[in-house]
């Protein structure tokens, strides 16, 4: 169905930037915050970015369905027949957006047979893109200059652990107590995957809830940069494979010579 991933990647980067401009327009204003049914926050920026992305993706690949945080639920009986799909979070890190700390992203991933094969993470406030596709590698662009990125191995000492700014819990504290000397970098949104992908962190343990649109784009960037994203049984994180869009707990890491899962026990 999709023949030229590289060209599609370039187009999706441009689309994510367009969504980012909509987000920044709201970011600069006195915006209001609504509450969704699950008590998570929603702003005009979420919806404006959603509109840009949905219209753009339907133009780029009208035959590919879209699974988005801000779209209506699609029954799994329908979704399970999707061989290809877009997995989209128009504004990942809404809490960071509300707090105005700049650590929010636009996430767009193309999933094929449960694997993310194309991913774009755009950070509007930083004017930075992380993007990747299968067979092409992973890249970071800032200020118009793009460079290839890759994970750093072996893991350095002290270990650089990246964690959520908004969702830290006791499970992460237990992991840190077993990992030994470490530096903890707290950052919001899918930027956590990107820090591992560009060699600025060694491991991202996620021992709390996430949804597939939170992770698919960053997962692709990290994997194409040489890293790994696995559940706590060591299986690669899979997408559109379950009725629930919630991910299992997972580990995202650079160095597969380190037994990160053993540090969870």
C-alpha atoms as a PDB file:
ATOM      1  CA  UNK A   1       0.000   0.000   0.000  1.00  0.00           C
ATOM      2  CA  UNK A   2       2.771   2.461   0.978  1.00  0.00           C
ATOM      3  CA  UNK A   3       5.604   2.407  -1.564  1.00  0.00           C
ATOM      4  CA  UNK A   4       7.902   5.324  -0.702  1.00  0.00           C
ATOM      5  CA  UNK A   5       8.372   5.681   3.046  1.00  0.00           C
ATOM      6  CA  UNK A   6      11.164   8.223   2.674  1.00  0.00           C
ATOM      7  CA  UNK A   7       9.094  10.708   0.672  1.00  0.00           C
ATOM      8  CA  UNK A   8       6.138  10.143   2.969  1.00  0.00           C
ATOM      9  CA  UNK A   9       8.390  10.870   5.956  1.00  0.00           C
ATOM     10  CA  UNK A  10       9.416  14.233   4.495  1.00  0.00           C
ATOM     11  CA  UNK A  11       5.763  15.104   3.914  1.00  0.00           C
ATOM     12  CA  UNK A  12       4.746  14.113   7.441  1.00  0.00           C
ATOM     13  CA  UNK A  13       7.521  16.228   8.977  1.00  0.00           C
ATOM     14  CA  UNK A  14       6.063  19.222   7.155  1.00  0.00           C
ATOM     15  CA  UNK A  15       2.583  18.321   8.335  1.00  0.00           C
ATOM     16  CA  UNK A  16       3.713  18.003  11.969  1.00  0.00           C
ATOM     17  CA  UNK A  17       5.349  21.422  11.733  1.00  0.00           C
ATOM     18  CA  UNK A  18       2.095  22.885  10.423  1.00  0.00           C
ATOM     19  CA  UNK A  19       0.251  21.381  13.390  1.00  0.00           C
ATOM     20  CA  UNK A  20       2.951  22.815  15.645  1.00  0.00           C
ATOM     21  CA  UNK A  21       2.329  26.301  14.329  1.00  0.00           C
ATOM     22  CA  UNK A  22      -1.332  25.959  15.267  1.00  0.00           C
ATOM     23  CA  UNK A  23      -0.324  24.841  18.741  1.00  0.00           C
ATOM     24  CA  UNK A  24       2.031  27.782  19.213  1.00  0.00           C
ATOM     25  CA  UNK A  25      -0.722  30.163  18.171  1.00  0.00           C
ATOM     26  CA  UNK A  26      -2.795  28.959  21.106  1.00  0.00           C
ATOM     27  CA  UNK A  27       0.268  28.726  23.392  1.00  0.00           C
ATOM     28  CA  UNK A  28       0.817  32.466  22.986  1.00  0.00           C
ATOM     29  CA  UNK A  29      -2.770  33.268  23.972  1.00  0.00           C
ATOM     30  CA  UNK A  30      -4.824  33.189  27.174  1.00  0.00           C
ATOM     31  CA  UNK A  31      -6.248  29.747  26.422  1.00  0.00           C
ATOM     32  CA  UNK A  32      -8.801  27.825  28.481  1.00  0.00           C
ATOM     33  CA  UNK A  33      -8.601  24.189  29.602  1.00  0.00           C
ATOM     34  CA  UNK A  34     -11.451  21.691  29.395  1.00  0.00           C
ATOM     35  CA  UNK A  35     -11.666  18.260  30.991  1.00  0.00           C
ATOM     36  CA  UNK A  36     -12.303  15.122  28.943  1.00  0.00           C
ATOM     37  CA  UNK A  37     -14.383  12.164  30.139  1.00  0.00           C
ATOM     38  CA  UNK A  38     -11.234  10.467  31.484  1.00  0.00           C
ATOM     39  CA  UNK A  39     -10.342  13.658  33.433  1.00  0.00           C
ATOM     40  CA  UNK A  40      -7.377  14.440  31.192  1.00  0.00           C
ATOM     41  CA  UNK A  41      -7.021  18.046  30.002  1.00  0.00           C
ATOM     42  CA  UNK A  42      -8.016  19.316  26.565  1.00  0.00           C
ATOM     43  CA  UNK A  43      -7.257  22.686  24.957  1.00  0.00           C
ATOM     44  CA  UNK A  44      -8.021  24.428  21.692  1.00  0.00           C
ATOM     45  CA  UNK A  45      -4.462  23.578  20.643  1.00  0.00           C
ATOM     46  CA  UNK A  46      -5.241  19.842  20.755  1.00  0.00           C
ATOM     47  CA  UNK A  47      -8.190  20.282  18.421  1.00  0.00           C
ATOM     48  CA  UNK A  48      -6.521  22.703  16.011  1.00  0.00           C
ATOM     49  CA  UNK A  49      -3.538  20.384  15.641  1.00  0.00           C
ATOM     50  CA  UNK A  50      -5.856  17.405  15.262  1.00  0.00           C
ATOM     51  CA  UNK A  51      -7.676  19.109  12.392  1.00  0.00           C
ATOM     52  CA  UNK A  52      -4.429  19.903  10.552  1.00  0.00           C
ATOM     53  CA  UNK A  53      -3.109  16.370  10.953  1.00  0.00           C
ATOM     54  CA  UNK A  54      -6.278  14.519  10.001  1.00  0.00           C
ATOM     55  CA  UNK A  55      -6.864  16.631   6.899  1.00  0.00           C
ATOM     56  CA  UNK A  56      -3.209  16.351   5.885  1.00  0.00           C
ATOM     57  CA  UNK A  57      -2.874  12.604   6.440  1.00  0.00           C
ATOM     58  CA  UNK A  58      -6.063  11.943   4.498  1.00  0.00           C
ATOM     59  CA  UNK A  59      -4.575  13.900   1.610  1.00  0.00           C
ATOM     60  CA  UNK A  60      -1.218  12.102   1.773  1.00  0.00           C
ATOM     61  CA  UNK A  61      -2.632   8.585   2.140  1.00  0.00           C
ATOM     62  CA  UNK A  62      -6.433   8.509   1.890  1.00  0.00           C
ATOM     63  CA  UNK A  63      -6.497   4.721   2.093  1.00  0.00           C
ATOM     64  CA  UNK A  64      -4.806   4.592   5.537  1.00  0.00           C
ATOM     65  CA  UNK A  65      -7.105   4.872   8.585  1.00  0.00           C
ATOM     66  CA  UNK A  66      -6.220   7.109  11.534  1.00  0.00           C
ATOM     67  CA  UNK A  67      -6.152   6.237  15.222  1.00  0.00           C
ATOM     68  CA  UNK A  68      -5.854   9.447  17.230  1.00  0.00           C
ATOM     69  CA  UNK A  69      -6.244  10.470  20.841  1.00  0.00           C
ATOM     70  CA  UNK A  70      -8.778  13.112  19.833  1.00  0.00           C
ATOM     71  CA  UNK A  71     -10.798  10.986  17.394  1.00  0.00           C
ATOM     72  CA  UNK A  72     -13.876   8.911  18.138  1.00  0.00           C
ATOM     73  CA  UNK A  73     -13.231   5.381  19.405  1.00  0.00           C
ATOM     74  CA  UNK A  74     -13.045   2.720  16.706  1.00  0.00           C
ATOM     75  CA  UNK A  75     -14.184  -0.800  17.732  1.00  0.00           C
ATOM     76  CA  UNK A  76     -11.386  -3.360  17.763  1.00  0.00           C
ATOM     77  CA  UNK A  77     -13.440  -5.594  15.473  1.00  0.00           C
ATOM     78  CA  UNK A  78     -12.909  -2.876  12.866  1.00  0.00           C
ATOM     79  CA  UNK A  79      -9.353  -1.923  13.800  1.00  0.00           C
ATOM     80  CA  UNK A  80      -8.041  -5.480  13.854  1.00  0.00           C
ATOM     81  CA  UNK A  81      -8.463  -5.618  10.059  1.00  0.00           C
ATOM     82  CA  UNK A  82      -6.210  -2.608   9.565  1.00  0.00           C
ATOM     83  CA  UNK A  83      -2.857  -3.696   8.102  1.00  0.00           C
ATOM     84  CA  UNK A  84      -1.648  -0.083   7.983  1.00  0.00           C
ATOM     85  CA  UNK A  85      -2.731   2.794  10.203  1.00  0.00           C
ATOM     86  CA  UNK A  86      -1.644   6.203  11.400  1.00  0.00           C
ATOM     87  CA  UNK A  87      -1.269   6.542  15.171  1.00  0.00           C
ATOM     88  CA  UNK A  88      -1.465  10.197  16.150  1.00  0.00           C
ATOM     89  CA  UNK A  89      -1.256  12.378  19.241  1.00  0.00           C
ATOM     90  CA  UNK A  90      -1.799  15.958  18.085  1.00  0.00           C
ATOM     91  CA  UNK A  91      -0.519  17.361  21.396  1.00  0.00           C
ATOM     92  CA  UNK A  92       1.463  14.984  23.573  1.00  0.00           C
ATOM     93  CA  UNK A  93       2.203  16.554  26.926  1.00  0.00           C
ATOM     94  CA  UNK A  94      -0.900  18.688  27.360  1.00  0.00           C
ATOM     95  CA  UNK A  95       0.046  19.140  31.031  1.00  0.00           C
ATOM     96  CA  UNK A  96       3.427  20.511  29.957  1.00  0.00           C
ATOM     97  CA  UNK A  97       1.637  22.775  27.481  1.00  0.00           C
ATOM     98  CA  UNK A  98      -0.617  24.107  30.248  1.00  0.00           C
ATOM     99  CA  UNK A  99       2.393  24.630  32.521  1.00  0.00           C
ATOM    100  CA  UNK A 100       4.152  26.423  29.641  1.00  0.00           C
ATOM    101  CA  UNK A 101       7.446  24.578  30.042  1.00  0.00           C
ATOM    102  CA  UNK A 102       7.833  23.848  26.320  1.00  0.00           C
ATOM    103  CA  UNK A 103       8.082  20.060  26.696  1.00  0.00           C
ATOM    104  CA  UNK A 104       5.188  19.063  24.450  1.00  0.00           C
ATOM    105  CA  UNK A 105       5.212  17.400  21.051  1.00  0.00           C
ATOM    106  CA  UNK A 106       3.239  16.465  17.975  1.00  0.00           C
ATOM    107  CA  UNK A 107       3.439  12.686  17.448  1.00  0.00           C
ATOM    108  CA  UNK A 108       2.688  10.965  14.143  1.00  0.00           C
ATOM    109  CA  UNK A 109       3.494   7.313  13.432  1.00  0.00           C
ATOM    110  CA  UNK A 110       2.707   4.942  10.608  1.00  0.00           C
ATOM    111  CA  UNK A 111       2.144   1.413  11.859  1.00  0.00           C
ATOM    112  CA  UNK A 112       2.344  -1.678   9.644  1.00  0.00           C
ATOM    113  CA  UNK A 113       1.377  -5.065  11.043  1.00  0.00           C
ATOM    114  CA  UNK A 114       1.716  -3.881  14.637  1.00  0.00           C
ATOM    115  CA  UNK A 115       5.122  -2.181  14.165  1.00  0.00           C
ATOM    116  CA  UNK A 116       5.825   1.550  13.800  1.00  0.00           C
ATOM    117  CA  UNK A 117       7.714   1.905  10.507  1.00  0.00           C
ATOM    118  CA  UNK A 118       7.639   5.711  10.302  1.00  0.00           C
ATOM    119  CA  UNK A 119       7.685   8.200  13.150  1.00  0.00           C
ATOM    120  CA  UNK A 120       7.792  11.969  13.563  1.00  0.00           C
ATOM    121  CA  UNK A 121       8.117  13.781  16.888  1.00  0.00           C
ATOM    122  CA  UNK A 122       7.931  17.538  16.479  1.00  0.00           C
ATOM    123  CA  UNK A 123       8.659  19.836  19.440  1.00  0.00           C
ATOM    124  CA  UNK A 124       7.067  23.174  18.461  1.00  0.00           C
ATOM    125  CA  UNK A 125       8.477  25.311  21.278  1.00  0.00           C
ATOM    126  CA  UNK A 126      12.017  24.132  20.559  1.00  0.00           C
ATOM    127  CA  UNK A 127      11.555  24.179  16.765  1.00  0.00           C
ATOM    128  CA  UNK A 128      13.007  20.683  16.735  1.00  0.00           C
ATOM    129  CA  UNK A 129      12.065  17.524  14.841  1.00  0.00           C
ATOM    130  CA  UNK A 130      12.991  13.919  15.449  1.00  0.00           C
ATOM    131  CA  UNK A 131      12.007  11.650  12.591  1.00  0.00           C
ATOM    132  CA  UNK A 132      12.719   8.200  11.217  1.00  0.00           C
ATOM    133  CA  UNK A 133      11.499   5.479   8.918  1.00  0.00           C
ATOM    134  CA  UNK A 134      12.424   1.905   8.256  1.00  0.00           C
ATOM    135  CA  UNK A 135      15.381   1.596   5.921  1.00  0.00           C
ATOM    136  CA  UNK A 136      16.352   5.265   6.222  1.00  0.00           C
ATOM    137  CA  UNK A 137      17.524   5.766   9.810  1.00  0.00           C
ATOM    138  CA  UNK A 138      16.766   8.402  12.441  1.00  0.00           C
ATOM    139  CA  UNK A 139      17.398  12.143  12.279  1.00  0.00           C
ATOM    140  CA  UNK A 140      17.166  15.307  14.326  1.00  0.00           C
ATOM    141  CA  UNK A 141      16.507  18.707  12.782  1.00  0.00           C
ATOM    142  CA  UNK A 142      16.885  22.003  14.577  1.00  0.00           C
ATOM    143  CA  UNK A 143      17.067  25.408  12.966  1.00  0.00           C
ATOM    144  CA  UNK A 144      16.876  23.891   9.503  1.00  0.00           C
ATOM    145  CA  UNK A 145      19.923  21.661   9.943  1.00  0.00           C
ATOM    146  CA  UNK A 146      19.384  17.893   9.992  1.00  0.00           C
ATOM    147  CA  UNK A 147      21.781  15.263  11.270  1.00  0.00           C
ATOM    148  CA  UNK A 148      21.631  11.526  11.722  1.00  0.00           C
ATOM    149  CA  UNK A 149      21.254  10.343  15.308  1.00  0.00           C
ATOM    150  CA  UNK A 150      22.102   7.062  16.999  1.00  0.00           C
ATOM    151  CA  UNK A 151      21.982   5.615  20.476  1.00  0.00           C
ATOM    152  CA  UNK A 152      25.117   5.505  22.588  1.00  0.00           C
ATOM    153  CA  UNK A 153      26.398   2.133  23.766  1.00  0.00           C
ATOM    154  CA  UNK A 154      27.500   0.766  26.122  1.00  0.00           C
ATOM    155  CA  UNK A 155      25.546   2.483  28.878  1.00  0.00           C
ATOM    156  CA  UNK A 156      27.637   5.089  30.654  1.00  0.00           C
ATOM    157  CA  UNK A 157      28.257   5.330  34.365  1.00  0.00           C
ATOM    158  CA  UNK A 158      26.494   6.921  36.062  1.00  0.00           C
ATOM    159  CA  UNK A 159      23.528   5.610  34.079  1.00  0.00           C
ATOM    160  CA  UNK A 160      21.430   8.362  32.541  1.00  0.00           C
ATOM    161  CA  UNK A 161      17.785   7.545  33.243  1.00  0.00           C
ATOM    162  CA  UNK A 162      15.037   9.605  31.649  1.00  0.00           C
ATOM    163  CA  UNK A 163      11.645   9.758  33.324  1.00  0.00           C
ATOM    164  CA  UNK A 164       8.319  11.539  33.180  1.00  0.00           C
ATOM    165  CA  UNK A 165       8.043  15.022  34.565  1.00  0.00           C
ATOM    166  CA  UNK A 166       4.309  14.621  35.264  1.00  0.00           C
ATOM    167  CA  UNK A 167       3.907  10.912  36.078  1.00  0.00           C
ATOM    168  CA  UNK A 168       6.727   9.762  38.360  1.00  0.00           C
ATOM    169  CA  UNK A 169       5.748   6.988  40.763  1.00  0.00           C
ATOM    170  CA  UNK A 170       7.121   4.591  43.374  1.00  0.00           C
ATOM    171  CA  UNK A 171       7.945   1.951  40.731  1.00  0.00           C
ATOM    172  CA  UNK A 172      10.462   4.300  39.126  1.00  0.00           C
ATOM    173  CA  UNK A 173      12.010   4.963  42.527  1.00  0.00           C
ATOM    174  CA  UNK A 174      12.472   1.206  43.004  1.00  0.00           C
ATOM    175  CA  UNK A 175      14.151   0.887  39.613  1.00  0.00           C
ATOM    176  CA  UNK A 176      16.498   3.777  40.416  1.00  0.00           C
ATOM    177  CA  UNK A 177      17.484   2.223  43.739  1.00  0.00           C
ATOM    178  CA  UNK A 178      18.625  -0.919  41.911  1.00  0.00           C
ATOM    179  CA  UNK A 179      20.307   0.712  38.923  1.00  0.00           C
ATOM    180  CA  UNK A 180      23.085   2.148  41.095  1.00  0.00           C
ATOM    181  CA  UNK A 181      24.806   5.473  40.407  1.00  0.00           C
ATOM    182  CA  UNK A 182      22.619   7.400  38.001  1.00  0.00           C
ATOM    183  CA  UNK A 183      21.509  10.767  36.720  1.00  0.00           C
ATOM    184  CA  UNK A 184      17.765  11.276  36.428  1.00  0.00           C
ATOM    185  CA  UNK A 185      16.581  13.525  33.609  1.00  0.00           C
ATOM    186  CA  UNK A 186      12.934  14.546  33.964  1.00  0.00           C
ATOM    187  CA  UNK A 187      11.250  15.571  30.731  1.00  0.00           C
ATOM    188  CA  UNK A 188       7.713  15.581  29.372  1.00  0.00           C
ATOM    189  CA  UNK A 189       6.018  13.918  26.386  1.00  0.00           C
ATOM    190  CA  UNK A 190       7.682  11.599  23.865  1.00  0.00           C
ATOM    191  CA  UNK A 191      10.893  13.600  24.126  1.00  0.00           C
ATOM    192  CA  UNK A 192      11.996  10.852  26.526  1.00  0.00           C
ATOM    193  CA  UNK A 193      12.365   8.395  23.635  1.00  0.00           C
ATOM    194  CA  UNK A 194      14.218  11.012  21.643  1.00  0.00           C
ATOM    195  CA  UNK A 195      16.818  11.641  24.351  1.00  0.00           C
ATOM    196  CA  UNK A 196      17.689   7.943  24.318  1.00  0.00           C
ATOM    197  CA  UNK A 197      17.697   7.927  20.505  1.00  0.00           C
ATOM    198  CA  UNK A 198      20.227  10.766  20.259  1.00  0.00           C
ATOM    199  CA  UNK A 199      22.547   9.364  22.934  1.00  0.00           C
ATOM    200  CA  UNK A 200      21.630  11.794  25.701  1.00  0.00           C
ATOM    201  CA  UNK A 201      20.127   9.073  27.934  1.00  0.00           C
ATOM    202  CA  UNK A 202      20.559   5.329  28.383  1.00  0.00           C
ATOM    203  CA  UNK A 203      17.175   4.060  29.487  1.00  0.00           C
ATOM    204  CA  UNK A 204      13.551   5.142  29.862  1.00  0.00           C
ATOM    205  CA  UNK A 205      11.571   2.839  32.178  1.00  0.00           C
ATOM    206  CA  UNK A 206       7.836   3.445  31.851  1.00  0.00           C
ATOM    207  CA  UNK A 207       6.097   1.749  34.747  1.00  0.00           C
ATOM    208  CA  UNK A 208       2.824   3.647  34.510  1.00  0.00           C
ATOM    209  CA  UNK A 209      -0.008   4.024  32.005  1.00  0.00           C
ATOM    210  CA  UNK A 210       0.492   5.221  28.430  1.00  0.00           C
ATOM    211  CA  UNK A 211      -1.570   4.877  25.261  1.00  0.00           C
ATOM    212  CA  UNK A 212      -0.373   3.792  21.850  1.00  0.00           C
ATOM    213  CA  UNK A 213      -0.451   7.350  20.467  1.00  0.00           C
ATOM    214  CA  UNK A 214       1.879   8.427  23.284  1.00  0.00           C
ATOM    215  CA  UNK A 215       4.604   6.020  22.201  1.00  0.00           C
ATOM    216  CA  UNK A 216       4.403   4.906  18.553  1.00  0.00           C
ATOM    217  CA  UNK A 217       6.275   7.837  16.965  1.00  0.00           C
ATOM    218  CA  UNK A 218       9.023   7.965  19.599  1.00  0.00           C
ATOM    219  CA  UNK A 219       9.294   4.169  19.498  1.00  0.00           C
ATOM    220  CA  UNK A 220      10.033   4.324  15.762  1.00  0.00           C
ATOM    221  CA  UNK A 221      12.649   7.056  16.188  1.00  0.00           C
ATOM    222  CA  UNK A 222      14.428   5.118  18.932  1.00  0.00           C
ATOM    223  CA  UNK A 223      14.305   1.799  17.103  1.00  0.00           C
ATOM    224  CA  UNK A 224      15.670   3.275  13.874  1.00  0.00           C
ATOM    225  CA  UNK A 225      18.435   4.946  15.924  1.00  0.00           C
ATOM    226  CA  UNK A 226      19.502   1.504  17.140  1.00  0.00           C
ATOM    227  CA  UNK A 227      17.527   1.249  20.376  1.00  0.00           C
ATOM    228  CA  UNK A 228      14.828  -1.028  21.717  1.00  0.00           C
ATOM    229  CA  UNK A 229      11.336  -0.757  23.207  1.00  0.00           C
ATOM    230  CA  UNK A 230      10.085  -3.884  24.955  1.00  0.00           C
ATOM    231  CA  UNK A 231       7.426  -4.853  27.468  1.00  0.00           C
ATOM    232  CA  UNK A 232       8.395  -6.332  30.825  1.00  0.00           C
ATOM    233  CA  UNK A 233       8.488  -9.816  29.284  1.00  0.00           C
ATOM    234  CA  UNK A 234      11.070  -8.655  26.765  1.00  0.00           C
ATOM    235  CA  UNK A 235       8.688  -8.585  23.778  1.00  0.00           C
ATOM    236  CA  UNK A 236       8.740  -5.622  21.363  1.00  0.00           C
ATOM    237  CA  UNK A 237       5.904  -3.218  22.059  1.00  0.00           C
ATOM    238  CA  UNK A 238       3.088  -3.923  19.568  1.00  0.00           C
ATOM    239  CA  UNK A 239       0.412  -1.590  18.211  1.00  0.00           C
ATOM    240  CA  UNK A 240      -3.226  -2.170  17.259  1.00  0.00           C
ATOM    241  CA  UNK A 241      -2.890  -5.692  18.601  1.00  0.00           C
ATOM    242  CA  UNK A 242      -5.365  -5.512  21.505  1.00  0.00           C
ATOM    243  CA  UNK A 243      -8.893  -4.202  22.116  1.00  0.00           C
ATOM    244  CA  UNK A 244      -7.436  -1.725  24.615  1.00  0.00           C
ATOM    245  CA  UNK A 245      -5.189   1.076  23.341  1.00  0.00           C
ATOM    246  CA  UNK A 246      -3.327   1.130  26.672  1.00  0.00           C
ATOM    247  CA  UNK A 247       0.279  -0.039  26.465  1.00  0.00           C
ATOM    248  CA  UNK A 248       1.759  -2.510  28.911  1.00  0.00           C
ATOM    249  CA  UNK A 249       4.568  -1.161  31.082  1.00  0.00           C
ATOM    250  CA  UNK A 250       7.769  -1.050  29.063  1.00  0.00           C
ATOM    251  CA  UNK A 251      11.471  -0.291  28.897  1.00  0.00           C
ATOM    252  CA  UNK A 252      13.036   1.854  26.174  1.00  0.00           C
ATOM    253  CA  UNK A 253      16.820   1.589  26.075  1.00  0.00           C
ATOM    254  CA  UNK A 254      19.965   1.874  24.017  1.00  0.00           C
ATOM    255  CA  UNK A 255      22.261  -0.905  25.265  1.00  0.00           C
ATOM    256  CA  UNK A 256      20.845  -4.423  24.942  1.00  0.00           C
ATOM    257  CA  UNK A 257      23.931  -5.866  26.661  1.00  0.00           C
ATOM    258  CA  UNK A 258      22.539  -4.565  29.973  1.00  0.00           C
ATOM    259  CA  UNK A 259      19.768  -6.651  31.557  1.00  0.00           C
ATOM    260  CA  UNK A 260      17.472  -3.741  32.350  1.00  0.00           C
ATOM    261  CA  UNK A 261      14.541  -6.019  33.144  1.00  0.00           C
ATOM    262  CA  UNK A 262      16.499  -7.595  36.001  1.00  0.00           C
ATOM    263  CA  UNK A 263      16.572  -4.181  37.676  1.00  0.00           C
ATOM    264  CA  UNK A 264      12.777  -4.225  37.959  1.00  0.00           C
ATOM    265  CA  UNK A 265      12.706  -7.159  40.380  1.00  0.00           C
END
